[in-house]
């Protein structure tokens, strides 16, 4: 029984971490990094 509880907790933790990194909203790590990259590219292409 203890192993099932631990396995369920690990699956829930994995899903939570995946949603944090690659979630669909604007607060995900992937979305924030995409915005930073776009800003840097825009800054480099617009500089003299």
C-alpha atoms as a PDB file:
ATOM      1  CA  UNK A   1       0.000   0.000   0.000  1.00  0.00           C
ATOM      2  CA  UNK A   2       2.869   2.356   0.822  1.00  0.00           C
ATOM      3  CA  UNK A   3       4.422   1.826  -2.614  1.00  0.00           C
ATOM      4  CA  UNK A   4       1.143   2.717  -4.358  1.00  0.00           C
ATOM      5  CA  UNK A   5       0.881   5.979  -2.410  1.00  0.00           C
ATOM      6  CA  UNK A   6       4.484   6.885  -3.239  1.00  0.00           C
ATOM      7  CA  UNK A   7       3.970   5.996  -6.911  1.00  0.00           C
ATOM      8  CA  UNK A   8       0.815   8.138  -7.103  1.00  0.00           C
ATOM      9  CA  UNK A   9       2.645  11.039  -5.436  1.00  0.00           C
ATOM     10  CA  UNK A  10       5.550  10.757  -7.890  1.00  0.00           C
ATOM     11  CA  UNK A  11       3.175  10.719 -10.869  1.00  0.00           C
ATOM     12  CA  UNK A  12       1.349  13.778  -9.521  1.00  0.00           C
ATOM     13  CA  UNK A  13       4.681  15.546  -8.959  1.00  0.00           C
ATOM     14  CA  UNK A  14       5.814  14.702 -12.490  1.00  0.00           C
ATOM     15  CA  UNK A  15       2.605  16.091 -13.968  1.00  0.00           C
ATOM     16  CA  UNK A  16       2.896  19.252 -11.857  1.00  0.00           C
ATOM     17  CA  UNK A  17       6.511  19.833 -12.935  1.00  0.00           C
ATOM     18  CA  UNK A  18       5.605  19.222 -16.590  1.00  0.00           C
ATOM     19  CA  UNK A  19       2.755  21.749 -16.381  1.00  0.00           C
ATOM     20  CA  UNK A  20       5.112  24.262 -14.733  1.00  0.00           C
ATOM     21  CA  UNK A  21       7.729  23.907 -17.471  1.00  0.00           C
ATOM     22  CA  UNK A  22       5.626  23.361 -20.596  1.00  0.00           C
ATOM     23  CA  UNK A  23       2.184  24.561 -19.595  1.00  0.00           C
ATOM     24  CA  UNK A  24      -0.063  26.325 -22.053  1.00  0.00           C
ATOM     25  CA  UNK A  25      -0.398  29.606 -20.178  1.00  0.00           C
ATOM     26  CA  UNK A  26       1.870  32.652 -20.161  1.00  0.00           C
ATOM     27  CA  UNK A  27       3.415  31.862 -16.779  1.00  0.00           C
ATOM     28  CA  UNK A  28       5.155  28.656 -17.867  1.00  0.00           C
ATOM     29  CA  UNK A  29       8.934  28.522 -18.014  1.00  0.00           C
ATOM     30  CA  UNK A  30       8.859  27.717 -21.723  1.00  0.00           C
ATOM     31  CA  UNK A  31       6.665  30.726 -22.495  1.00  0.00           C
ATOM     32  CA  UNK A  32       8.833  33.080 -20.434  1.00  0.00           C
ATOM     33  CA  UNK A  33      12.019  31.846 -22.115  1.00  0.00           C
ATOM     34  CA  UNK A  34      10.402  32.273 -25.535  1.00  0.00           C
ATOM     35  CA  UNK A  35       9.565  35.883 -24.679  1.00  0.00           C
ATOM     36  CA  UNK A  36      13.107  36.568 -23.499  1.00  0.00           C
ATOM     37  CA  UNK A  37      14.577  35.083 -26.693  1.00  0.00           C
ATOM     38  CA  UNK A  38      12.233  37.158 -28.853  1.00  0.00           C
ATOM     39  CA  UNK A  39      13.200  40.339 -26.981  1.00  0.00           C
ATOM     40  CA  UNK A  40      16.913  39.592 -27.361  1.00  0.00           C
ATOM     41  CA  UNK A  41      16.567  38.856 -31.072  1.00  0.00           C
ATOM     42  CA  UNK A  42      14.619  42.077 -31.568  1.00  0.00           C
ATOM     43  CA  UNK A  43      17.228  44.013 -29.597  1.00  0.00           C
ATOM     44  CA  UNK A  44      20.117  42.574 -31.638  1.00  0.00           C
ATOM     45  CA  UNK A  45      18.429  43.133 -35.005  1.00  0.00           C
ATOM     46  CA  UNK A  46      17.456  46.733 -34.215  1.00  0.00           C
ATOM     47  CA  UNK A  47      20.825  47.830 -32.842  1.00  0.00           C
ATOM     48  CA  UNK A  48      23.266  49.636 -35.178  1.00  0.00           C
END
